[in-house]
Amino acid sequence: MKFPAFDRDLARTVLFSVAVVLVVIGIYQSILQNSVLRNYELFMLAIICLLLYRYLRLPEKADSPAAPAKAQPARKPAGKAKKRR
């Protein structure tokens, strides 16, 4: 059985959505209970989701090293300015 390839964009979308929902629920519960400390876990889970979201944003490292860029030819120094007559 072959598993489908991991879709980073879908994972990023889900993580961001979960983070937003957790923050909204945490704020709502904090207003109802009049205490942010009682909803600490919700806010920490939202931050973990955001950290994973940022981690998945990083580009994948290539197996082979990238080819070095071509060196630009050195420019000739400018000569004396020509006099206009």
N, C-alpha and C. Protein backbone atom coordinates (compact mmCIF):
# COMPACT_ATOMS: atom_id res chain seq x y z
N MET A 1 0.85 -1.18 0.00
CA MET A 1 0.00 0.00 0.00
C MET A 1 0.89 1.23 0.00
N LYS A 2 0.64 2.11 -0.93
CA LYS A 2 1.45 3.31 -1.08
C LYS A 2 0.70 4.50 -0.49
N PHE A 3 1.38 5.24 0.36
CA PHE A 3 0.77 6.41 0.97
C PHE A 3 0.97 7.62 0.07
N PRO A 4 0.01 8.53 0.06
CA PRO A 4 0.18 9.74 -0.76
C PRO A 4 1.28 10.63 -0.19
N ALA A 5 1.83 11.45 -1.05
CA ALA A 5 2.90 12.36 -0.63
C ALA A 5 2.36 13.36 0.38
N PHE A 6 3.24 13.79 1.27
CA PHE A 6 2.88 14.75 2.31
C PHE A 6 2.67 16.12 1.68
N ASP A 7 1.50 16.68 1.87
CA ASP A 7 1.18 17.99 1.30
C ASP A 7 1.43 19.06 2.36
N ARG A 8 2.52 19.79 2.20
CA ARG A 8 2.90 20.81 3.17
C ARG A 8 1.91 21.96 3.21
N ASP A 9 1.37 22.33 2.06
CA ASP A 9 0.43 23.45 2.03
C ASP A 9 -0.86 23.13 2.78
N LEU A 10 -1.34 21.91 2.63
CA LEU A 10 -2.55 21.50 3.35
C LEU A 10 -2.28 21.47 4.86
N ALA A 11 -1.13 20.95 5.25
CA ALA A 11 -0.78 20.89 6.67
C ALA A 11 -0.66 22.31 7.25
N ARG A 12 -0.06 23.21 6.49
CA ARG A 12 0.06 24.60 6.96
C ARG A 12 -1.31 25.24 7.13
N THR A 13 -2.22 24.98 6.19
CA THR A 13 -3.57 25.54 6.27
C THR A 13 -4.31 25.01 7.50
N VAL A 14 -4.20 23.72 7.73
CA VAL A 14 -4.87 23.12 8.89
C VAL A 14 -4.28 23.65 10.20
N LEU A 15 -2.96 23.73 10.29
CA LEU A 15 -2.33 24.24 11.51
C LEU A 15 -2.72 25.68 11.79
N PHE A 16 -2.74 26.52 10.76
CA PHE A 16 -3.11 27.92 10.97
C PHE A 16 -4.57 28.03 11.40
N SER A 17 -5.44 27.22 10.79
CA SER A 17 -6.86 27.25 11.16
C SER A 17 -7.07 26.80 12.60
N VAL A 18 -6.38 25.76 13.00
CA VAL A 18 -6.49 25.27 14.38
C VAL A 18 -5.97 26.32 15.35
N ALA A 19 -4.89 26.99 14.99
CA ALA A 19 -4.34 28.02 15.88
C ALA A 19 -5.33 29.17 16.06
N VAL A 20 -5.96 29.60 14.97
CA VAL A 20 -6.93 30.70 15.06
C VAL A 20 -8.13 30.28 15.91
N VAL A 21 -8.63 29.06 15.70
CA VAL A 21 -9.77 28.58 16.48
C VAL A 21 -9.42 28.49 17.96
N LEU A 22 -8.23 28.00 18.27
CA LEU A 22 -7.82 27.90 19.69
C LEU A 22 -7.70 29.27 20.34
N VAL A 23 -7.20 30.25 19.62
CA VAL A 23 -7.09 31.60 20.18
C VAL A 23 -8.48 32.19 20.42
N VAL A 24 -9.39 32.01 19.47
CA VAL A 24 -10.75 32.54 19.63
C VAL A 24 -11.45 31.88 20.81
N ILE A 25 -11.32 30.56 20.91
CA ILE A 25 -11.94 29.85 22.05
C ILE A 25 -11.30 30.29 23.36
N GLY A 26 -9.98 30.45 23.36
CA GLY A 26 -9.28 30.89 24.57
C GLY A 26 -9.72 32.27 25.02
N ILE A 27 -9.88 33.18 24.08
CA ILE A 27 -10.34 34.54 24.43
C ILE A 27 -11.78 34.49 24.96
N TYR A 28 -12.62 33.73 24.30
CA TYR A 28 -14.01 33.62 24.74
C TYR A 28 -14.10 33.04 26.15
N GLN A 29 -13.37 31.96 26.41
CA GLN A 29 -13.38 31.35 27.73
C GLN A 29 -12.77 32.28 28.79
N SER A 30 -11.75 33.04 28.38
CA SER A 30 -11.13 33.98 29.33
C SER A 30 -12.11 35.07 29.73
N ILE A 31 -12.93 35.51 28.79
CA ILE A 31 -13.93 36.54 29.11
C ILE A 31 -15.00 35.95 30.02
N LEU A 32 -15.44 34.72 29.72
CA LEU A 32 -16.49 34.11 30.55
C LEU A 32 -16.00 33.82 31.96
N GLN A 33 -14.78 33.27 32.07
CA GLN A 33 -14.26 32.86 33.38
C GLN A 33 -13.49 33.97 34.08
N ASN A 34 -13.25 35.07 33.37
CA ASN A 34 -12.54 36.21 33.92
C ASN A 34 -11.13 35.83 34.40
N SER A 35 -10.50 34.90 33.67
CA SER A 35 -9.15 34.47 34.04
C SER A 35 -8.45 33.90 32.80
N VAL A 36 -7.30 34.48 32.49
CA VAL A 36 -6.51 33.96 31.37
C VAL A 36 -5.76 32.71 31.80
N LEU A 37 -5.39 32.62 33.06
CA LEU A 37 -4.60 31.48 33.53
C LEU A 37 -5.35 30.16 33.44
N ARG A 38 -6.65 30.19 33.52
CA ARG A 38 -7.43 28.95 33.41
C ARG A 38 -7.44 28.41 31.97
N ASN A 39 -7.10 29.26 31.03
CA ASN A 39 -7.11 28.87 29.62
C ASN A 39 -5.70 28.89 29.03
N TYR A 40 -4.72 28.76 29.88
CA TYR A 40 -3.32 28.77 29.48
C TYR A 40 -3.04 27.69 28.43
N GLU A 41 -3.62 26.51 28.63
CA GLU A 41 -3.36 25.38 27.72
C GLU A 41 -3.83 25.69 26.30
N LEU A 42 -4.97 26.35 26.18
CA LEU A 42 -5.47 26.69 24.84
C LEU A 42 -4.51 27.62 24.11
N PHE A 43 -4.02 28.62 24.82
CA PHE A 43 -3.10 29.57 24.20
C PHE A 43 -1.76 28.90 23.86
N MET A 44 -1.30 28.00 24.70
CA MET A 44 -0.04 27.30 24.42
C MET A 44 -0.18 26.36 23.22
N LEU A 45 -1.32 25.68 23.10
CA LEU A 45 -1.56 24.84 21.93
C LEU A 45 -1.60 25.68 20.66
N ALA A 46 -2.19 26.87 20.75
CA ALA A 46 -2.22 27.76 19.59
C ALA A 46 -0.81 28.19 19.20
N ILE A 47 0.04 28.47 20.18
CA ILE A 47 1.41 28.87 19.88
C ILE A 47 2.19 27.71 19.28
N ILE A 48 1.96 26.49 19.77
CA ILE A 48 2.62 25.31 19.20
C ILE A 48 2.20 25.13 17.74
N CYS A 49 0.93 25.33 17.46
CA CYS A 49 0.46 25.23 16.08
C CYS A 49 1.11 26.28 15.19
N LEU A 50 1.28 27.49 15.71
CA LEU A 50 1.93 28.54 14.93
C LEU A 50 3.41 28.24 14.70
N LEU A 51 4.07 27.65 15.70
CA LEU A 51 5.48 27.28 15.52
C LEU A 51 5.62 26.18 14.46
N LEU A 52 4.74 25.21 14.49
CA LEU A 52 4.77 24.16 13.47
C LEU A 52 4.44 24.74 12.09
N TYR A 53 3.54 25.70 12.06
CA TYR A 53 3.19 26.39 10.81
C TYR A 53 4.42 27.07 10.22
N ARG A 54 5.16 27.76 11.08
CA ARG A 54 6.38 28.44 10.60
C ARG A 54 7.45 27.44 10.19
N TYR A 55 7.54 26.31 10.90
CA TYR A 55 8.53 25.29 10.57
C TYR A 55 8.24 24.68 9.19
N LEU A 56 6.98 24.45 8.89
CA LEU A 56 6.63 23.89 7.58
C LEU A 56 6.80 24.89 6.46
N ARG A 57 6.93 26.16 6.79
CA ARG A 57 7.13 27.19 5.79
C ARG A 57 8.56 27.18 5.25
N LEU A 58 9.50 26.63 6.01
CA LEU A 58 10.88 26.58 5.58
C LEU A 58 11.01 25.69 4.35
N PRO A 59 11.87 26.08 3.41
CA PRO A 59 12.03 25.24 2.21
C PRO A 59 12.75 23.94 2.55
N GLU A 60 12.44 22.90 1.77
CA GLU A 60 13.11 21.62 1.98
C GLU A 60 14.54 21.73 1.46
N LYS A 61 15.46 21.09 2.16
CA LYS A 61 16.85 21.12 1.74
C LYS A 61 17.04 20.13 0.60
N ALA A 62 17.77 20.55 -0.41
CA ALA A 62 18.03 19.69 -1.55
C ALA A 62 19.15 18.70 -1.19
N ASP A 63 19.09 17.50 -1.78
CA ASP A 63 20.11 16.50 -1.51
C ASP A 63 21.45 16.90 -2.11
N SER A 64 21.43 17.46 -3.31
CA SER A 64 22.68 17.85 -3.95
C SER A 64 22.96 19.32 -3.67
N PRO A 65 24.23 19.65 -3.50
CA PRO A 65 24.55 21.07 -3.25
C PRO A 65 24.28 21.90 -4.49
N ALA A 66 23.88 23.12 -4.29
CA ALA A 66 23.57 24.01 -5.40
C ALA A 66 24.85 24.40 -6.12
N ALA A 67 24.74 24.58 -7.42
CA ALA A 67 25.90 24.99 -8.21
C ALA A 67 26.26 26.43 -7.86
N PRO A 68 27.54 26.72 -7.75
CA PRO A 68 27.92 28.09 -7.42
C PRO A 68 27.55 29.04 -8.55
N ALA A 69 27.24 30.25 -8.19
CA ALA A 69 26.85 31.24 -9.18
C ALA A 69 28.07 31.65 -10.00
N LYS A 70 27.83 32.01 -11.25
CA LYS A 70 28.92 32.44 -12.12
C LYS A 70 29.46 33.77 -11.62
N ALA A 71 30.77 33.88 -11.65
CA ALA A 71 31.40 35.12 -11.21
C ALA A 71 31.20 36.19 -12.27
N GLN A 72 30.88 37.37 -11.83
CA GLN A 72 30.72 38.49 -12.74
C GLN A 72 32.10 38.97 -13.19
N PRO A 73 32.27 39.25 -14.48
CA PRO A 73 33.57 39.76 -14.92
C PRO A 73 33.83 41.13 -14.30
N ALA A 74 35.08 41.36 -13.96
CA ALA A 74 35.44 42.62 -13.33
C ALA A 74 35.28 43.76 -14.33
N ARG A 75 34.74 44.85 -13.87
CA ARG A 75 34.57 46.01 -14.75
C ARG A 75 35.87 46.78 -14.83
N LYS A 76 36.11 47.34 -15.99
CA LYS A 76 37.32 48.14 -16.16
C LYS A 76 37.12 49.47 -15.46
N PRO A 77 38.17 49.95 -14.84
CA PRO A 77 38.02 51.26 -14.18
C PRO A 77 37.77 52.35 -15.22
N ALA A 78 36.98 53.30 -14.82
CA ALA A 78 36.65 54.40 -15.74
C ALA A 78 37.88 55.25 -15.99
N GLY A 79 38.09 55.59 -17.24
CA GLY A 79 39.24 56.43 -17.61
C GLY A 79 38.94 57.89 -17.31
N LYS A 80 39.85 58.74 -17.79
CA LYS A 80 39.65 60.16 -17.57
C LYS A 80 38.43 60.61 -18.36
N ALA A 81 37.74 61.57 -17.81
CA ALA A 81 36.57 62.12 -18.50
C ALA A 81 37.04 62.91 -19.71
N LYS A 82 36.33 62.75 -20.81
CA LYS A 82 36.70 63.48 -22.04
C LYS A 82 36.25 64.92 -21.91
N LYS A 83 37.09 65.79 -22.40
CA LYS A 83 36.76 67.21 -22.37
C LYS A 83 35.89 67.54 -23.55
N ARG A 84 34.90 68.34 -23.32
CA ARG A 84 34.03 68.80 -24.39
C ARG A 84 34.57 70.11 -24.92
N ARG A 85 34.48 70.31 -26.21
CA ARG A 85 34.97 71.56 -26.80
C ARG A 85 33.85 72.40 -27.25
